Amino acid sequence: MKDRILALKQSLKSKISSERGDIGDSLMIIIAIFTAVGIMFIFPIMTIADRTDDMAQQTIQAALEKLVDQACMAGEITPEACSEAEATIASTGVLGDLESEIQTLDDNPAKKTVQVQRDKVGENWYYTIYNAQREEYMYPESGEARAYPLKPGDRVVFRFRNTSLSWAEQVGSAVYSALGKNVSTISAEASGMVMSTSSK
């Protein structure tokens, strides 16, 4: 009788251990399947999305550089140039704000200082015109759109930063937040100094 009980216990133990082994093997198979799915689908999608964002970043940067170059060479910021830059940015599908900052050279640059050395030339003074002021001048409520005039020595800066998450940022935000990293944003900036006045 004792031998039968011991034999029964032994067979139950071996059965339980084999079932546990089956469960462990099944769990490993499931983990392997999820890993394969991640490698085969999720990472390529993230790579494609990152490349799309990189292309959008380069397109926006080129549009801002073209806008600044035109303004610096022509001595004015034209509504046509702004519209062209905005259309190029819109073609990328990235939503964001296009901001400008014009550092205007004071009408009396490099004033003589009132220090001990009277022949010493002082610093050039700049005052800043921001985006709202520029747009108010260029797009008056009454009348047609007009160019914003610039003069040699003025500095022009255009900036863009996306206001909504792109597809890559949405896909990557979950992964990056799990890794404790920040989600990158699409931003661009271009600046230059005006070299000539408008011919108009």
N, C-alpha and C. Protein backbone atom coordinates (compact mmCIF):
# COMPACT_ATOMS: atom_id res chain seq x y z
N MET A 1 0.82 -1.20 0.00
CA MET A 1 0.00 0.00 0.00
C MET A 1 0.86 1.25 0.00
N LYS A 2 1.91 1.21 0.84
CA LYS A 2 2.81 2.35 0.88
C LYS A 2 3.47 2.56 -0.47
N ASP A 3 3.86 1.47 -1.10
CA ASP A 3 4.51 1.59 -2.40
C ASP A 3 3.57 2.21 -3.44
N ARG A 4 2.29 1.86 -3.36
CA ARG A 4 1.31 2.42 -4.30
C ARG A 4 1.15 3.92 -4.07
N ILE A 5 1.07 4.32 -2.81
CA ILE A 5 0.92 5.74 -2.48
C ILE A 5 2.16 6.52 -2.96
N LEU A 6 3.35 5.96 -2.69
CA LEU A 6 4.58 6.62 -3.14
C LEU A 6 4.63 6.72 -4.66
N ALA A 7 4.20 5.65 -5.33
CA ALA A 7 4.20 5.65 -6.79
C ALA A 7 3.21 6.68 -7.32
N LEU A 8 2.03 6.79 -6.67
CA LEU A 8 1.02 7.78 -7.06
C LEU A 8 1.54 9.20 -6.86
N LYS A 9 2.19 9.46 -5.71
CA LYS A 9 2.78 10.77 -5.44
C LYS A 9 3.83 11.12 -6.49
N GLN A 10 4.64 10.13 -6.79
CA GLN A 10 5.72 10.36 -7.77
C GLN A 10 5.14 10.69 -9.14
N SER A 11 4.10 9.97 -9.55
CA SER A 11 3.49 10.23 -10.86
C SER A 11 2.82 11.61 -10.90
N LEU A 12 2.18 12.03 -9.77
CA LEU A 12 1.56 13.35 -9.70
C LEU A 12 2.62 14.46 -9.79
N LYS A 13 3.74 14.27 -9.09
CA LYS A 13 4.82 15.26 -9.12
C LYS A 13 5.38 15.42 -10.54
N SER A 14 5.59 14.29 -11.19
CA SER A 14 6.14 14.35 -12.54
C SER A 14 5.15 15.00 -13.51
N LYS A 15 3.84 14.73 -13.29
CA LYS A 15 2.81 15.32 -14.15
C LYS A 15 2.76 16.83 -13.95
N ILE A 16 2.79 17.28 -12.69
CA ILE A 16 2.74 18.72 -12.37
C ILE A 16 3.97 19.43 -12.94
N SER A 17 5.13 18.83 -12.76
CA SER A 17 6.36 19.46 -13.26
C SER A 17 6.36 19.54 -14.79
N SER A 18 5.80 18.53 -15.46
CA SER A 18 5.75 18.57 -16.92
C SER A 18 4.76 19.64 -17.39
N GLU A 19 3.63 19.80 -16.63
CA GLU A 19 2.67 20.86 -16.97
C GLU A 19 3.27 22.24 -16.76
N ARG A 20 4.03 22.37 -15.66
CA ARG A 20 4.71 23.65 -15.42
C ARG A 20 5.71 23.94 -16.54
N GLY A 21 6.37 22.92 -16.98
CA GLY A 21 7.31 23.10 -18.09
C GLY A 21 6.59 23.53 -19.35
N ASP A 22 5.42 22.96 -19.60
CA ASP A 22 4.61 23.33 -20.77
C ASP A 22 4.18 24.80 -20.67
N ILE A 23 3.75 25.22 -19.43
CA ILE A 23 3.32 26.61 -19.23
C ILE A 23 4.51 27.55 -19.44
N GLY A 24 5.65 27.17 -18.91
CA GLY A 24 6.86 27.99 -19.10
C GLY A 24 7.24 28.10 -20.56
N ASP A 25 7.14 26.98 -21.29
CA ASP A 25 7.45 27.00 -22.72
C ASP A 25 6.44 27.87 -23.48
N SER A 26 5.17 27.79 -23.11
CA SER A 26 4.14 28.60 -23.76
C SER A 26 4.38 30.08 -23.52
N LEU A 27 4.74 30.42 -22.28
CA LEU A 27 5.02 31.80 -21.94
C LEU A 27 6.20 32.34 -22.75
N MET A 28 7.24 31.52 -22.88
CA MET A 28 8.40 31.93 -23.67
C MET A 28 8.04 32.13 -25.15
N ILE A 29 7.15 31.28 -25.66
CA ILE A 29 6.71 31.40 -27.05
C ILE A 29 5.93 32.70 -27.24
N ILE A 30 5.06 33.02 -26.28
CA ILE A 30 4.27 34.26 -26.37
C ILE A 30 5.19 35.48 -26.34
N ILE A 31 6.16 35.47 -25.44
CA ILE A 31 7.12 36.59 -25.35
C ILE A 31 7.90 36.71 -26.65
N ALA A 32 8.30 35.57 -27.22
CA ALA A 32 9.05 35.59 -28.48
C ALA A 32 8.20 36.15 -29.62
N ILE A 33 6.90 35.82 -29.63
CA ILE A 33 6.00 36.32 -30.67
C ILE A 33 5.86 37.84 -30.57
N PHE A 34 5.64 38.36 -29.34
CA PHE A 34 5.50 39.81 -29.15
C PHE A 34 6.80 40.54 -29.52
N THR A 35 7.92 39.94 -29.19
CA THR A 35 9.21 40.54 -29.55
C THR A 35 9.38 40.59 -31.06
N ALA A 36 9.01 39.51 -31.73
CA ALA A 36 9.12 39.46 -33.19
C ALA A 36 8.19 40.48 -33.84
N VAL A 37 6.97 40.61 -33.30
CA VAL A 37 6.02 41.61 -33.83
C VAL A 37 6.60 43.01 -33.66
N GLY A 38 7.18 43.27 -32.48
CA GLY A 38 7.79 44.58 -32.24
C GLY A 38 8.91 44.87 -33.19
N ILE A 39 9.77 43.88 -33.43
CA ILE A 39 10.90 44.08 -34.33
C ILE A 39 10.44 44.22 -35.78
N MET A 40 9.45 43.43 -36.16
CA MET A 40 9.01 43.42 -37.56
C MET A 40 8.11 44.59 -37.93
N PHE A 41 7.33 45.12 -36.99
CA PHE A 41 6.33 46.14 -37.33
C PHE A 41 6.55 47.49 -36.63
N ILE A 42 6.69 47.47 -35.32
CA ILE A 42 6.73 48.73 -34.57
C ILE A 42 7.97 49.55 -34.89
N PHE A 43 9.14 48.95 -34.86
CA PHE A 43 10.38 49.70 -35.11
C PHE A 43 10.46 50.24 -36.54
N PRO A 44 10.08 49.46 -37.56
CA PRO A 44 10.07 50.06 -38.92
C PRO A 44 9.10 51.24 -39.03
N ILE A 45 7.93 51.13 -38.38
CA ILE A 45 6.97 52.24 -38.42
C ILE A 45 7.57 53.47 -37.76
N MET A 46 8.23 53.28 -36.61
CA MET A 46 8.86 54.40 -35.93
C MET A 46 9.99 54.99 -36.77
N THR A 47 10.74 54.14 -37.45
CA THR A 47 11.83 54.63 -38.30
C THR A 47 11.29 55.46 -39.46
N ILE A 48 10.22 54.98 -40.10
CA ILE A 48 9.61 55.72 -41.21
C ILE A 48 9.05 57.05 -40.70
N ALA A 49 8.41 57.03 -39.54
CA ALA A 49 7.85 58.26 -38.97
C ALA A 49 8.96 59.26 -38.64
N ASP A 50 10.07 58.77 -38.09
CA ASP A 50 11.20 59.67 -37.78
C ASP A 50 11.78 60.27 -39.06
N ARG A 51 11.88 59.48 -40.11
CA ARG A 51 12.39 60.00 -41.38
C ARG A 51 11.45 61.06 -41.94
N THR A 52 10.15 60.84 -41.80
CA THR A 52 9.17 61.82 -42.27
C THR A 52 9.35 63.14 -41.52
N ASP A 53 9.55 63.06 -40.21
CA ASP A 53 9.78 64.27 -39.42
C ASP A 53 11.08 64.95 -39.82
N ASP A 54 12.12 64.16 -40.10
CA ASP A 54 13.39 64.75 -40.53
C ASP A 54 13.24 65.50 -41.86
N MET A 55 12.48 64.90 -42.78
CA MET A 55 12.24 65.56 -44.06
C MET A 55 11.44 66.84 -43.88
N ALA A 56 10.44 66.79 -42.99
CA ALA A 56 9.64 68.00 -42.70
C ALA A 56 10.51 69.08 -42.09
N GLN A 57 11.38 68.67 -41.16
CA GLN A 57 12.31 69.62 -40.52
C GLN A 57 13.20 70.31 -41.56
N GLN A 58 13.76 69.53 -42.49
CA GLN A 58 14.64 70.09 -43.51
C GLN A 58 13.88 71.01 -44.46
N THR A 59 12.65 70.62 -44.81
CA THR A 59 11.83 71.45 -45.71
C THR A 59 11.50 72.78 -45.06
N ILE A 60 11.12 72.75 -43.78
CA ILE A 60 10.77 73.97 -43.06
C ILE A 60 12.00 74.86 -42.90
N GLN A 61 13.14 74.25 -42.56
CA GLN A 61 14.38 75.02 -42.41
C GLN A 61 14.74 75.71 -43.72
N ALA A 62 14.63 75.00 -44.84
CA ALA A 62 14.95 75.58 -46.15
C ALA A 62 13.99 76.72 -46.48
N ALA A 63 12.71 76.56 -46.14
CA ALA A 63 11.72 77.62 -46.41
C ALA A 63 12.03 78.88 -45.62
N LEU A 64 12.42 78.72 -44.35
CA LEU A 64 12.75 79.89 -43.53
C LEU A 64 14.03 80.57 -44.03
N GLU A 65 15.03 79.77 -44.40
CA GLU A 65 16.27 80.36 -44.91
C GLU A 65 16.02 81.13 -46.21
N LYS A 66 15.16 80.60 -47.07
CA LYS A 66 14.82 81.30 -48.31
C LYS A 66 14.10 82.60 -48.01
N LEU A 67 13.17 82.58 -47.07
CA LEU A 67 12.42 83.78 -46.69
C LEU A 67 13.36 84.86 -46.14
N VAL A 68 14.26 84.46 -45.25
CA VAL A 68 15.22 85.41 -44.66
C VAL A 68 16.17 85.95 -45.72
N ASP A 69 16.67 85.08 -46.60
CA ASP A 69 17.58 85.52 -47.66
C ASP A 69 16.91 86.54 -48.58
N GLN A 70 15.66 86.26 -48.96
CA GLN A 70 14.93 87.19 -49.82
C GLN A 70 14.76 88.54 -49.14
N ALA A 71 14.42 88.51 -47.84
CA ALA A 71 14.22 89.76 -47.10
C ALA A 71 15.51 90.55 -46.99
N CYS A 72 16.62 89.87 -46.70
CA CYS A 72 17.91 90.55 -46.54
C CYS A 72 18.43 91.12 -47.85
N MET A 73 18.19 90.42 -48.96
CA MET A 73 18.67 90.89 -50.25
C MET A 73 17.77 91.98 -50.84
N ALA A 74 16.45 91.86 -50.61
CA ALA A 74 15.51 92.83 -51.19
C ALA A 74 15.32 94.05 -50.31
N GLY A 75 15.65 93.95 -49.03
CA GLY A 75 15.45 95.07 -48.12
C GLY A 75 14.01 95.23 -47.70
N GLU A 76 13.23 94.15 -47.79
CA GLU A 76 11.83 94.19 -47.37
C GLU A 76 11.31 92.76 -47.23
N ILE A 77 10.29 92.62 -46.38
CA ILE A 77 9.61 91.33 -46.24
C ILE A 77 8.29 91.46 -46.99
N THR A 78 8.15 90.70 -48.05
CA THR A 78 6.96 90.83 -48.89
C THR A 78 5.88 89.83 -48.49
N PRO A 79 4.61 90.20 -48.69
CA PRO A 79 3.52 89.24 -48.41
C PRO A 79 3.64 87.97 -49.25
N GLU A 80 4.14 88.12 -50.49
CA GLU A 80 4.28 86.96 -51.38
C GLU A 80 5.30 85.97 -50.81
N ALA A 81 6.42 86.49 -50.31
CA ALA A 81 7.46 85.62 -49.75
C ALA A 81 6.94 84.91 -48.50
N CYS A 82 6.18 85.63 -47.66
CA CYS A 82 5.60 85.02 -46.46
C CYS A 82 4.59 83.94 -46.82
N SER A 83 3.76 84.23 -47.82
CA SER A 83 2.75 83.25 -48.26
C SER A 83 3.41 82.00 -48.82
N GLU A 84 4.50 82.19 -49.58
CA GLU A 84 5.22 81.05 -50.15
C GLU A 84 5.82 80.18 -49.04
N ALA A 85 6.41 80.81 -48.04
CA ALA A 85 6.99 80.06 -46.92
C ALA A 85 5.90 79.32 -46.15
N GLU A 86 4.78 79.98 -45.91
CA GLU A 86 3.67 79.34 -45.18
C GLU A 86 3.10 78.17 -45.97
N ALA A 87 3.02 78.30 -47.29
CA ALA A 87 2.51 77.21 -48.13
C ALA A 87 3.47 76.02 -48.11
N THR A 88 4.78 76.30 -48.13
CA THR A 88 5.77 75.22 -48.07
C THR A 88 5.68 74.49 -46.74
N ILE A 89 5.53 75.24 -45.65
CA ILE A 89 5.40 74.63 -44.33
C ILE A 89 4.12 73.80 -44.25
N ALA A 90 3.02 74.34 -44.79
CA ALA A 90 1.73 73.62 -44.76
C ALA A 90 1.81 72.32 -45.56
N SER A 91 2.64 72.30 -46.62
CA SER A 91 2.75 71.09 -47.45
C SER A 91 3.38 69.93 -46.70
N THR A 92 4.11 70.21 -45.61
CA THR A 92 4.71 69.14 -44.82
C THR A 92 3.68 68.46 -43.91
N GLY A 93 2.54 69.12 -43.70
CA GLY A 93 1.52 68.56 -42.82
C GLY A 93 1.77 68.83 -41.34
N VAL A 94 2.79 69.63 -41.04
CA VAL A 94 3.12 69.95 -39.65
C VAL A 94 2.39 71.23 -39.27
N LEU A 95 1.66 71.18 -38.18
CA LEU A 95 0.96 72.37 -37.69
C LEU A 95 1.84 73.09 -36.69
N GLY A 96 1.92 74.42 -36.83
CA GLY A 96 2.76 75.17 -35.90
C GLY A 96 2.64 76.65 -36.12
N ASP A 97 3.46 77.40 -35.40
CA ASP A 97 3.45 78.86 -35.46
C ASP A 97 4.71 79.36 -36.14
N LEU A 98 4.52 80.27 -37.11
CA LEU A 98 5.63 80.95 -37.75
C LEU A 98 5.75 82.32 -37.10
N GLU A 99 6.84 82.54 -36.42
CA GLU A 99 7.06 83.79 -35.69
C GLU A 99 8.23 84.55 -36.30
N SER A 100 8.15 85.88 -36.22
CA SER A 100 9.25 86.70 -36.73
C SER A 100 9.70 87.67 -35.65
N GLU A 101 10.94 88.09 -35.79
CA GLU A 101 11.52 89.09 -34.89
C GLU A 101 12.45 89.94 -35.74
N ILE A 102 12.16 91.22 -35.81
CA ILE A 102 12.97 92.13 -36.59
C ILE A 102 13.68 93.08 -35.62
N GLN A 103 14.99 92.99 -35.60
CA GLN A 103 15.78 93.89 -34.75
C GLN A 103 16.20 95.06 -35.63
N THR A 104 15.52 96.18 -35.41
CA THR A 104 15.70 97.36 -36.25
C THR A 104 16.80 98.25 -35.69
N LEU A 105 17.73 98.61 -36.57
CA LEU A 105 18.83 99.49 -36.19
C LEU A 105 18.29 100.89 -35.95
N ASP A 106 18.69 101.48 -34.84
CA ASP A 106 18.24 102.83 -34.49
C ASP A 106 18.62 103.82 -35.60
N ASP A 107 17.81 104.87 -35.75
CA ASP A 107 18.07 105.87 -36.79
C ASP A 107 19.39 106.59 -36.57
N ASN A 108 19.89 106.63 -35.34
CA ASN A 108 21.17 107.27 -35.05
C ASN A 108 22.16 106.23 -34.55
N PRO A 109 22.64 105.36 -35.44
CA PRO A 109 23.52 104.29 -34.98
C PRO A 109 24.89 104.82 -34.58
N ALA A 110 25.55 104.08 -33.71
CA ALA A 110 26.91 104.37 -33.30
C ALA A 110 27.09 105.82 -32.86
N LYS A 111 26.24 106.25 -31.95
CA LYS A 111 26.35 107.62 -31.44
C LYS A 111 27.66 107.81 -30.70
N LYS A 112 28.16 109.03 -30.69
CA LYS A 112 29.36 109.34 -29.91
C LYS A 112 29.02 109.22 -28.43
N THR A 113 29.91 108.62 -27.69
CA THR A 113 29.66 108.47 -26.26
C THR A 113 30.06 109.73 -25.51
N VAL A 114 29.47 109.91 -24.36
CA VAL A 114 29.78 111.07 -23.53
C VAL A 114 30.73 110.65 -22.41
N GLN A 115 31.71 109.84 -22.78
CA GLN A 115 32.69 109.40 -21.80
C GLN A 115 33.92 110.30 -21.91
N VAL A 116 34.96 109.93 -21.22
CA VAL A 116 36.18 110.73 -21.23
C VAL A 116 36.75 110.81 -22.64
N GLN A 117 36.73 109.69 -23.36
CA GLN A 117 37.24 109.68 -24.72
C GLN A 117 36.11 110.09 -25.67
N ARG A 118 36.17 111.31 -26.14
CA ARG A 118 35.07 111.81 -26.97
C ARG A 118 35.08 111.26 -28.39
N ASP A 119 36.22 110.69 -28.81
CA ASP A 119 36.28 110.14 -30.16
C ASP A 119 35.85 108.68 -30.21
N LYS A 120 35.50 108.12 -29.05
CA LYS A 120 35.08 106.72 -29.00
C LYS A 120 33.65 106.60 -29.51
N VAL A 121 33.43 105.63 -30.40
CA VAL A 121 32.10 105.43 -30.97
C VAL A 121 31.32 104.45 -30.12
N GLY A 122 30.09 104.77 -29.82
CA GLY A 122 29.25 103.92 -28.98
C GLY A 122 28.69 102.73 -29.74
N GLU A 123 27.95 101.89 -29.03
CA GLU A 123 27.36 100.71 -29.64
C GLU A 123 26.15 101.09 -30.47
N ASN A 124 25.86 100.24 -31.47
CA ASN A 124 24.63 100.42 -32.24
C ASN A 124 23.45 99.98 -31.38
N TRP A 125 22.37 100.72 -31.44
CA TRP A 125 21.18 100.40 -30.64
C TRP A 125 20.12 99.80 -31.55
N TYR A 126 19.50 98.74 -31.05
CA TYR A 126 18.44 98.07 -31.79
C TYR A 126 17.15 98.07 -30.96
N TYR A 127 16.04 98.17 -31.64
CA TYR A 127 14.76 97.91 -31.00
C TYR A 127 14.06 96.81 -31.79
N THR A 128 13.22 96.06 -31.12
CA THR A 128 12.67 94.83 -31.71
C THR A 128 11.21 95.01 -32.13
N ILE A 129 10.93 94.57 -33.34
CA ILE A 129 9.56 94.50 -33.87
C ILE A 129 9.18 93.03 -33.88
N TYR A 130 8.08 92.70 -33.19
CA TYR A 130 7.67 91.31 -33.09
C TYR A 130 6.64 90.95 -34.16
N ASN A 131 6.27 89.69 -34.18
CA ASN A 131 5.42 89.14 -35.23
C ASN A 131 4.10 89.90 -35.39
N ALA A 132 3.42 90.18 -34.27
CA ALA A 132 2.12 90.86 -34.34
C ALA A 132 2.26 92.26 -34.94
N GLN A 133 3.33 92.96 -34.58
CA GLN A 133 3.54 94.31 -35.11
C GLN A 133 3.83 94.26 -36.61
N ARG A 134 4.64 93.28 -37.03
CA ARG A 134 4.94 93.14 -38.46
C ARG A 134 3.69 92.82 -39.25
N GLU A 135 2.88 91.88 -38.76
CA GLU A 135 1.67 91.50 -39.48
C GLU A 135 0.65 92.63 -39.51
N GLU A 136 0.59 93.40 -38.45
CA GLU A 136 -0.33 94.54 -38.41
C GLU A 136 0.04 95.57 -39.49
N TYR A 137 1.35 95.74 -39.69
CA TYR A 137 1.81 96.67 -40.74
C TYR A 137 1.57 96.08 -42.12
N MET A 138 1.90 94.81 -42.31
CA MET A 138 1.82 94.19 -43.62
C MET A 138 0.40 93.93 -44.09
N TYR A 139 -0.48 93.63 -43.13
CA TYR A 139 -1.87 93.29 -43.48
C TYR A 139 -2.82 94.21 -42.74
N PRO A 140 -2.91 95.47 -43.16
CA PRO A 140 -3.81 96.41 -42.46
C PRO A 140 -5.27 96.03 -42.66
N GLU A 141 -6.10 96.42 -41.72
CA GLU A 141 -7.53 96.09 -41.81
C GLU A 141 -8.17 96.74 -43.03
N SER A 142 -7.75 97.95 -43.34
CA SER A 142 -8.26 98.62 -44.54
C SER A 142 -7.10 98.78 -45.52
N GLY A 143 -7.29 98.27 -46.69
CA GLY A 143 -6.24 98.39 -47.70
C GLY A 143 -5.60 97.05 -48.04
N GLU A 144 -4.72 97.10 -49.03
CA GLU A 144 -4.08 95.89 -49.52
C GLU A 144 -2.84 95.55 -48.68
N ALA A 145 -2.43 94.32 -48.81
CA ALA A 145 -1.21 93.88 -48.13
C ALA A 145 -0.01 94.62 -48.71
N ARG A 146 0.95 94.93 -47.85
CA ARG A 146 2.14 95.67 -48.29
C ARG A 146 3.39 95.06 -47.67
N ALA A 147 4.52 95.37 -48.28
CA ALA A 147 5.79 94.84 -47.80
C ALA A 147 6.25 95.60 -46.56
N TYR A 148 6.95 94.87 -45.68
CA TYR A 148 7.51 95.53 -44.49
C TYR A 148 8.91 96.02 -44.85
N PRO A 149 9.17 97.35 -44.76
CA PRO A 149 10.48 97.88 -45.19
C PRO A 149 11.58 97.59 -44.18
N LEU A 150 12.76 97.32 -44.70
CA LEU A 150 13.95 97.09 -43.89
C LEU A 150 15.06 98.00 -44.40
N LYS A 151 16.09 98.16 -43.58
CA LYS A 151 17.23 98.97 -44.02
C LYS A 151 18.52 98.24 -43.65
N PRO A 152 19.63 98.60 -44.31
CA PRO A 152 20.89 97.91 -44.00
C PRO A 152 21.23 97.98 -42.52
N GLY A 153 21.65 96.85 -42.00
CA GLY A 153 21.99 96.75 -40.57
C GLY A 153 20.90 96.12 -39.74
N ASP A 154 19.65 96.08 -40.26
CA ASP A 154 18.56 95.42 -39.52
C ASP A 154 18.82 93.91 -39.50
N ARG A 155 18.34 93.27 -38.45
CA ARG A 155 18.46 91.81 -38.34
C ARG A 155 17.07 91.19 -38.42
N VAL A 156 16.97 90.14 -39.20
CA VAL A 156 15.68 89.46 -39.41
C VAL A 156 15.79 88.03 -38.90
N VAL A 157 14.83 87.62 -38.07
CA VAL A 157 14.80 86.25 -37.55
C VAL A 157 13.40 85.69 -37.77
N PHE A 158 13.32 84.50 -38.36
CA PHE A 158 12.06 83.77 -38.48
C PHE A 158 12.22 82.44 -37.76
N ARG A 159 11.21 82.08 -36.96
CA ARG A 159 11.23 80.83 -36.20
C ARG A 159 9.94 80.05 -36.46
N PHE A 160 10.07 78.73 -36.41
CA PHE A 160 8.90 77.85 -36.50
C PHE A 160 9.01 76.77 -35.43
N ARG A 161 7.90 76.48 -34.79
CA ARG A 161 7.84 75.38 -33.81
C ARG A 161 6.47 74.73 -33.92
N ASN A 162 6.45 73.40 -33.99
CA ASN A 162 5.16 72.73 -34.14
C ASN A 162 4.34 72.82 -32.85
N THR A 163 3.03 72.97 -33.02
CA THR A 163 2.13 73.10 -31.87
C THR A 163 1.39 71.81 -31.57
N SER A 164 1.37 70.88 -32.49
CA SER A 164 0.72 69.58 -32.25
C SER A 164 1.71 68.47 -32.54
N LEU A 165 1.52 67.34 -31.90
CA LEU A 165 2.43 66.21 -32.09
C LEU A 165 2.27 65.63 -33.49
N SER A 166 3.38 65.40 -34.14
CA SER A 166 3.36 64.72 -35.43
C SER A 166 3.12 63.24 -35.20
N TRP A 167 2.98 62.50 -36.31
CA TRP A 167 2.73 61.06 -36.21
C TRP A 167 3.87 60.37 -35.49
N ALA A 168 5.11 60.73 -35.85
CA ALA A 168 6.27 60.12 -35.21
C ALA A 168 6.32 60.44 -33.72
N GLU A 169 5.95 61.67 -33.37
CA GLU A 169 5.96 62.06 -31.96
C GLU A 169 4.88 61.31 -31.18
N GLN A 170 3.73 61.08 -31.82
CA GLN A 170 2.67 60.31 -31.15
C GLN A 170 3.08 58.87 -30.94
N VAL A 171 3.70 58.27 -31.97
CA VAL A 171 4.16 56.88 -31.86
C VAL A 171 5.29 56.79 -30.84
N GLY A 172 6.22 57.74 -30.92
CA GLY A 172 7.39 57.68 -30.07
C GLY A 172 7.17 58.14 -28.65
N SER A 173 6.08 58.89 -28.40
CA SER A 173 5.88 59.43 -27.05
C SER A 173 5.72 58.33 -26.01
N ALA A 174 5.04 57.26 -26.37
CA ALA A 174 4.86 56.15 -25.42
C ALA A 174 6.19 55.47 -25.14
N VAL A 175 6.98 55.25 -26.19
CA VAL A 175 8.27 54.59 -26.02
C VAL A 175 9.23 55.48 -25.26
N TYR A 176 9.30 56.76 -25.65
CA TYR A 176 10.24 57.68 -25.00
C TYR A 176 9.87 57.94 -23.55
N SER A 177 8.56 58.03 -23.28
CA SER A 177 8.16 58.26 -21.88
C SER A 177 8.49 57.05 -21.02
N ALA A 178 8.41 55.85 -21.61
CA ALA A 178 8.79 54.64 -20.86
C ALA A 178 10.29 54.62 -20.59
N LEU A 179 11.07 55.19 -21.53
CA LEU A 179 12.51 55.23 -21.35
C LEU A 179 12.98 56.45 -20.57
N GLY A 180 12.02 57.35 -20.26
CA GLY A 180 12.37 58.55 -19.50
C GLY A 180 13.00 59.64 -20.33
N LYS A 181 12.74 59.64 -21.64
CA LYS A 181 13.29 60.67 -22.53
C LYS A 181 12.17 61.60 -22.97
N ASN A 182 12.56 62.80 -23.41
CA ASN A 182 11.58 63.76 -23.91
C ASN A 182 11.32 63.50 -25.39
N VAL A 183 10.11 63.84 -25.82
CA VAL A 183 9.75 63.72 -27.22
C VAL A 183 10.27 64.95 -27.95
N SER A 184 11.00 64.73 -29.04
CA SER A 184 11.55 65.86 -29.78
C SER A 184 10.44 66.58 -30.54
N THR A 185 10.65 67.87 -30.79
CA THR A 185 9.69 68.65 -31.54
C THR A 185 10.34 69.15 -32.82
N ILE A 186 9.50 69.46 -33.81
CA ILE A 186 10.01 69.99 -35.06
C ILE A 186 10.12 71.50 -34.90
N SER A 187 11.32 72.02 -35.02
CA SER A 187 11.53 73.46 -34.91
C SER A 187 12.63 73.87 -35.86
N ALA A 188 12.55 75.11 -36.31
CA ALA A 188 13.55 75.64 -37.23
C ALA A 188 13.69 77.13 -36.99
N GLU A 189 14.86 77.65 -37.32
CA GLU A 189 15.12 79.08 -37.17
C GLU A 189 16.11 79.51 -38.23
N ALA A 190 15.87 80.70 -38.78
CA ALA A 190 16.80 81.28 -39.75
C ALA A 190 16.91 82.77 -39.45
N SER A 191 18.12 83.30 -39.59
CA SER A 191 18.33 84.72 -39.31
C SER A 191 19.36 85.28 -40.29
N GLY A 192 19.33 86.58 -40.44
CA GLY A 192 20.28 87.23 -41.32
C GLY A 192 20.26 88.73 -41.11
N MET A 193 21.26 89.40 -41.68
CA MET A 193 21.34 90.85 -41.59
C MET A 193 21.04 91.46 -42.95
N VAL A 194 20.24 92.50 -42.94
CA VAL A 194 19.83 93.16 -44.18
C VAL A 194 21.04 93.87 -44.77
N MET A 195 21.22 93.69 -46.08
CA MET A 195 22.38 94.26 -46.77
C MET A 195 22.00 95.42 -47.68
N SER A 196 20.72 95.55 -48.04
CA SER A 196 20.33 96.61 -48.96
C SER A 196 18.93 97.11 -48.63
N THR A 197 18.58 98.23 -49.20
CA THR A 197 17.23 98.78 -49.01
C THR A 197 16.38 98.39 -50.21
N SER A 198 15.08 98.52 -50.03
CA SER A 198 14.15 98.17 -51.11
C SER A 198 14.34 99.13 -52.27
N SER A 199 14.19 98.60 -53.47
CA SER A 199 14.31 99.43 -54.67
C SER A 199 13.07 100.26 -54.93
N LYS A 200 11.98 99.96 -54.21
CA LYS A 200 10.72 100.68 -54.41
C LYS A 200 10.74 102.02 -53.72
